[in-house]
Amino acid sequence: MPLFVVQCTDNDNILEKRMEVRPQHLKRLDVLKQQGRLIVAGPMPKDADDTSKGFYGSVIIVDFDSHDALDQWLADEPYVHAGVYKSVDVKPFIKVFPKDE
């Protein structure tokens, strides 16, 4: 299955809404993990030592059958519905390292 990098950019002044919706967001990512389709996921903080300053957005690398299948999954993303993300950019990704053994 192909891998995809999903880079999401937060709207300005959205930290409170982000934190409110975070449990639903993490629940969906956990389902992907259980299915073996989540490679890596996490936020991009404005200050790694003080996340109360907010986030630039998030990045996930996922394994989906197709770009269309990923788009369908993203359509139900809680951060999208809550207006946390200003934009979502999806690009194909080829994993080189670490090599699976």
N, C-alpha and C. Protein backbone atom coordinates (compact mmCIF):
# COMPACT_ATOMS: atom_id res chain seq x y z
N MET A 1 0.85 -1.18 0.00
CA MET A 1 0.00 0.00 0.00
C MET A 1 0.89 1.24 0.00
N PRO A 2 0.43 2.29 -0.63
CA PRO A 2 1.24 3.52 -0.67
C PRO A 2 1.18 4.29 0.65
N LEU A 3 2.28 4.98 0.91
CA LEU A 3 2.34 5.86 2.08
C LEU A 3 2.07 7.29 1.65
N PHE A 4 1.55 8.07 2.60
CA PHE A 4 1.26 9.48 2.36
C PHE A 4 1.68 10.31 3.56
N VAL A 5 2.24 11.49 3.28
CA VAL A 5 2.50 12.48 4.31
C VAL A 5 1.35 13.47 4.28
N VAL A 6 0.75 13.68 5.44
CA VAL A 6 -0.35 14.63 5.56
C VAL A 6 0.13 15.76 6.47
N GLN A 7 0.30 16.96 5.88
CA GLN A 7 0.72 18.12 6.66
C GLN A 7 -0.47 19.05 6.81
N CYS A 8 -0.84 19.30 8.05
CA CYS A 8 -2.00 20.12 8.36
C CYS A 8 -1.54 21.41 9.04
N THR A 9 -2.06 22.52 8.60
CA THR A 9 -1.71 23.82 9.16
C THR A 9 -2.90 24.33 9.96
N ASP A 10 -2.62 24.73 11.21
CA ASP A 10 -3.68 25.24 12.09
C ASP A 10 -4.10 26.66 11.71
N ASN A 11 -5.35 26.97 11.99
CA ASN A 11 -5.82 28.34 11.94
C ASN A 11 -5.19 29.11 13.10
N ASP A 12 -5.19 30.41 13.03
CA ASP A 12 -4.68 31.25 14.11
C ASP A 12 -5.62 31.19 15.31
N ASN A 13 -5.05 31.32 16.49
CA ASN A 13 -5.82 31.42 17.74
C ASN A 13 -6.83 30.29 17.90
N ILE A 14 -6.39 29.07 17.67
CA ILE A 14 -7.30 27.93 17.68
C ILE A 14 -6.95 26.91 18.77
N LEU A 15 -6.00 27.24 19.63
CA LEU A 15 -5.51 26.28 20.62
C LEU A 15 -6.63 25.71 21.49
N GLU A 16 -7.52 26.54 21.98
CA GLU A 16 -8.59 26.06 22.86
C GLU A 16 -9.46 25.02 22.14
N LYS A 17 -9.83 25.30 20.91
CA LYS A 17 -10.65 24.36 20.13
C LYS A 17 -9.86 23.08 19.85
N ARG A 18 -8.58 23.22 19.53
CA ARG A 18 -7.72 22.06 19.27
C ARG A 18 -7.73 21.13 20.48
N MET A 19 -7.54 21.68 21.66
CA MET A 19 -7.47 20.87 22.87
C MET A 19 -8.83 20.24 23.19
N GLU A 20 -9.90 20.94 22.88
CA GLU A 20 -11.25 20.42 23.11
C GLU A 20 -11.53 19.18 22.25
N VAL A 21 -11.07 19.21 21.02
CA VAL A 21 -11.37 18.16 20.05
C VAL A 21 -10.31 17.05 20.06
N ARG A 22 -9.20 17.28 20.72
CA ARG A 22 -8.07 16.35 20.70
C ARG A 22 -8.43 14.90 21.03
N PRO A 23 -9.26 14.63 22.04
CA PRO A 23 -9.58 13.22 22.33
C PRO A 23 -10.19 12.47 21.14
N GLN A 24 -11.09 13.12 20.39
CA GLN A 24 -11.69 12.46 19.22
C GLN A 24 -10.64 12.25 18.12
N HIS A 25 -9.76 13.24 17.95
CA HIS A 25 -8.68 13.16 16.96
C HIS A 25 -7.77 11.97 17.29
N LEU A 26 -7.34 11.86 18.55
CA LEU A 26 -6.44 10.79 18.96
C LEU A 26 -7.10 9.41 18.85
N LYS A 27 -8.39 9.35 19.11
CA LYS A 27 -9.13 8.09 19.00
C LYS A 27 -9.07 7.56 17.57
N ARG A 28 -9.24 8.44 16.59
CA ARG A 28 -9.18 8.02 15.18
C ARG A 28 -7.78 7.56 14.80
N LEU A 29 -6.76 8.27 15.32
CA LEU A 29 -5.38 7.87 15.03
C LEU A 29 -5.07 6.52 15.67
N ASP A 30 -5.62 6.27 16.84
CA ASP A 30 -5.41 4.99 17.50
C ASP A 30 -6.00 3.85 16.68
N VAL A 31 -7.14 4.07 16.04
CA VAL A 31 -7.73 3.05 15.18
C VAL A 31 -6.78 2.74 14.02
N LEU A 32 -6.20 3.79 13.42
CA LEU A 32 -5.22 3.56 12.34
C LEU A 32 -4.03 2.76 12.84
N LYS A 33 -3.57 3.07 14.04
CA LYS A 33 -2.44 2.34 14.64
C LYS A 33 -2.80 0.86 14.79
N GLN A 34 -3.99 0.59 15.32
CA GLN A 34 -4.43 -0.80 15.52
C GLN A 34 -4.52 -1.54 14.19
N GLN A 35 -4.84 -0.81 13.11
CA GLN A 35 -4.95 -1.41 11.79
C GLN A 35 -3.58 -1.55 11.10
N GLY A 36 -2.52 -1.03 11.74
CA GLY A 36 -1.18 -1.08 11.16
C GLY A 36 -0.95 -0.07 10.06
N ARG A 37 -1.79 0.97 10.01
CA ARG A 37 -1.68 1.96 8.93
C ARG A 37 -1.06 3.28 9.36
N LEU A 38 -0.78 3.45 10.64
CA LEU A 38 -0.19 4.69 11.14
C LEU A 38 1.31 4.50 11.29
N ILE A 39 2.08 5.28 10.54
CA ILE A 39 3.54 5.20 10.60
C ILE A 39 4.06 6.12 11.70
N VAL A 40 3.60 7.37 11.68
CA VAL A 40 3.99 8.36 12.68
C VAL A 40 2.97 9.49 12.66
N ALA A 41 2.79 10.13 13.80
CA ALA A 41 1.86 11.27 13.88
C ALA A 41 2.26 12.17 15.03
N GLY A 42 2.04 13.45 14.85
CA GLY A 42 2.30 14.37 15.95
C GLY A 42 2.12 15.82 15.55
N PRO A 43 2.02 16.68 16.57
CA PRO A 43 1.85 18.11 16.33
C PRO A 43 3.20 18.81 16.14
N MET A 44 3.14 19.99 15.56
CA MET A 44 4.31 20.85 15.40
C MET A 44 4.12 22.08 16.28
N PRO A 45 4.68 22.04 17.50
CA PRO A 45 4.46 23.14 18.44
C PRO A 45 5.25 24.39 18.06
N LYS A 46 4.71 25.54 18.41
CA LYS A 46 5.43 26.80 18.20
C LYS A 46 6.61 26.89 19.16
N ASP A 47 6.50 26.24 20.32
CA ASP A 47 7.58 26.17 21.30
C ASP A 47 7.49 24.79 21.95
N ALA A 48 8.46 23.92 21.67
CA ALA A 48 8.42 22.54 22.16
C ALA A 48 8.45 22.47 23.69
N ASP A 49 8.94 23.52 24.33
CA ASP A 49 9.01 23.53 25.79
C ASP A 49 7.76 24.13 26.43
N ASP A 50 6.90 24.74 25.61
CA ASP A 50 5.70 25.38 26.14
C ASP A 50 4.58 25.30 25.11
N THR A 51 3.86 24.17 25.12
CA THR A 51 2.81 23.96 24.11
C THR A 51 1.61 24.89 24.31
N SER A 52 1.58 25.61 25.43
CA SER A 52 0.49 26.58 25.61
C SER A 52 0.61 27.75 24.62
N LYS A 53 1.73 27.82 23.92
CA LYS A 53 1.92 28.87 22.90
C LYS A 53 1.28 28.48 21.57
N GLY A 54 0.75 27.26 21.51
CA GLY A 54 0.03 26.83 20.31
C GLY A 54 0.86 25.96 19.39
N PHE A 55 0.27 25.69 18.25
CA PHE A 55 0.87 24.77 17.29
C PHE A 55 0.80 25.35 15.87
N TYR A 56 1.80 25.00 15.08
CA TYR A 56 1.75 25.34 13.65
C TYR A 56 0.77 24.42 12.93
N GLY A 57 0.65 23.20 13.45
CA GLY A 57 -0.22 22.21 12.83
C GLY A 57 0.21 20.82 13.23
N SER A 58 -0.02 19.86 12.34
CA SER A 58 0.29 18.45 12.61
C SER A 58 0.81 17.78 11.35
N VAL A 59 1.53 16.69 11.56
CA VAL A 59 2.00 15.86 10.46
C VAL A 59 1.68 14.41 10.80
N ILE A 60 1.16 13.69 9.82
CA ILE A 60 1.01 12.25 9.97
C ILE A 60 1.53 11.58 8.70
N ILE A 61 2.10 10.42 8.89
CA ILE A 61 2.46 9.57 7.75
C ILE A 61 1.63 8.31 7.90
N VAL A 62 0.86 8.00 6.87
CA VAL A 62 -0.10 6.92 6.94
C VAL A 62 -0.01 6.02 5.72
N ASP A 63 -0.54 4.84 5.86
CA ASP A 63 -0.57 3.83 4.81
C ASP A 63 -2.03 3.60 4.41
N PHE A 64 -2.38 4.02 3.20
CA PHE A 64 -3.73 3.84 2.68
C PHE A 64 -3.67 3.19 1.31
N ASP A 65 -4.75 2.55 0.91
CA ASP A 65 -4.79 1.90 -0.40
C ASP A 65 -4.65 2.89 -1.55
N SER A 66 -5.13 4.11 -1.34
CA SER A 66 -5.10 5.11 -2.40
C SER A 66 -5.27 6.50 -1.79
N HIS A 67 -4.97 7.49 -2.60
CA HIS A 67 -5.18 8.88 -2.19
C HIS A 67 -6.67 9.12 -1.93
N ASP A 68 -7.52 8.53 -2.75
CA ASP A 68 -8.97 8.68 -2.56
C ASP A 68 -9.42 8.10 -1.21
N ALA A 69 -8.88 6.94 -0.84
CA ALA A 69 -9.24 6.33 0.45
C ALA A 69 -8.79 7.23 1.60
N LEU A 70 -7.62 7.82 1.47
CA LEU A 70 -7.14 8.75 2.50
C LEU A 70 -8.04 9.98 2.55
N ASP A 71 -8.42 10.51 1.40
CA ASP A 71 -9.32 11.67 1.36
C ASP A 71 -10.64 11.37 2.08
N GLN A 72 -11.16 10.17 1.89
CA GLN A 72 -12.40 9.78 2.57
C GLN A 72 -12.20 9.76 4.08
N TRP A 73 -11.06 9.25 4.53
CA TRP A 73 -10.76 9.21 5.96
C TRP A 73 -10.62 10.64 6.50
N LEU A 74 -9.92 11.49 5.76
CA LEU A 74 -9.72 12.88 6.20
C LEU A 74 -11.04 13.65 6.27
N ALA A 75 -12.00 13.29 5.45
CA ALA A 75 -13.29 13.98 5.45
C ALA A 75 -13.99 13.89 6.80
N ASP A 76 -13.66 12.88 7.59
CA ASP A 76 -14.27 12.72 8.91
C ASP A 76 -13.34 13.13 10.05
N GLU A 77 -12.24 13.78 9.74
CA GLU A 77 -11.27 14.19 10.76
C GLU A 77 -11.88 15.26 11.67
N PRO A 78 -11.91 15.01 12.99
CA PRO A 78 -12.50 15.97 13.93
C PRO A 78 -11.87 17.37 13.86
N TYR A 79 -10.56 17.45 13.66
CA TYR A 79 -9.93 18.77 13.57
C TYR A 79 -10.40 19.53 12.32
N VAL A 80 -10.70 18.82 11.27
CA VAL A 80 -11.24 19.46 10.05
C VAL A 80 -12.64 20.00 10.34
N HIS A 81 -13.49 19.15 10.92
CA HIS A 81 -14.87 19.56 11.22
C HIS A 81 -14.93 20.72 12.21
N ALA A 82 -13.99 20.76 13.15
CA ALA A 82 -14.00 21.82 14.18
C ALA A 82 -13.32 23.10 13.71
N GLY A 83 -12.75 23.09 12.51
CA GLY A 83 -12.10 24.29 11.99
C GLY A 83 -10.72 24.53 12.56
N VAL A 84 -10.11 23.50 13.15
CA VAL A 84 -8.75 23.65 13.67
C VAL A 84 -7.77 23.86 12.52
N TYR A 85 -7.92 23.07 11.47
CA TYR A 85 -6.99 23.13 10.34
C TYR A 85 -7.43 24.18 9.32
N LYS A 86 -6.47 25.02 8.95
CA LYS A 86 -6.66 25.99 7.88
C LYS A 86 -6.47 25.32 6.52
N SER A 87 -5.50 24.37 6.49
CA SER A 87 -5.24 23.66 5.25
C SER A 87 -4.70 22.27 5.55
N VAL A 88 -4.92 21.37 4.59
CA VAL A 88 -4.42 20.00 4.68
C VAL A 88 -3.76 19.69 3.34
N ASP A 89 -2.48 19.32 3.40
CA ASP A 89 -1.71 19.03 2.20
C ASP A 89 -1.28 17.57 2.24
N VAL A 90 -1.57 16.83 1.18
CA VAL A 90 -1.26 15.40 1.12
C VAL A 90 -0.28 15.16 -0.02
N LYS A 91 0.79 14.43 0.30
CA LYS A 91 1.79 14.07 -0.71
C LYS A 91 2.14 12.59 -0.56
N PRO A 92 2.42 11.91 -1.68
CA PRO A 92 2.90 10.54 -1.59
C PRO A 92 4.27 10.51 -0.90
N PHE A 93 4.61 9.38 -0.31
CA PHE A 93 5.85 9.27 0.46
C PHE A 93 6.45 7.89 0.23
N ILE A 94 7.77 7.83 0.06
CA ILE A 94 8.48 6.56 -0.07
C ILE A 94 9.39 6.43 1.14
N LYS A 95 9.15 5.43 1.94
CA LYS A 95 9.98 5.18 3.12
C LYS A 95 11.26 4.47 2.69
N VAL A 96 12.38 5.07 3.05
CA VAL A 96 13.69 4.46 2.77
C VAL A 96 14.32 3.95 4.06
N PHE A 97 14.27 4.76 5.10
CA PHE A 97 14.82 4.40 6.41
C PHE A 97 13.81 4.67 7.49
N PRO A 98 13.81 3.94 8.58
CA PRO A 98 14.63 2.74 8.76
C PRO A 98 14.10 1.61 7.89
N LYS A 99 15.01 0.76 7.51
CA LYS A 99 14.63 -0.40 6.69
C LYS A 99 13.94 -1.43 7.57
N ASP A 100 12.86 -1.98 7.05
CA ASP A 100 12.17 -3.06 7.77
C ASP A 100 13.02 -4.31 7.69
N GLU A 101 13.11 -4.99 8.80
CA GLU A 101 13.96 -6.19 8.82
C GLU A 101 13.15 -7.42 9.11
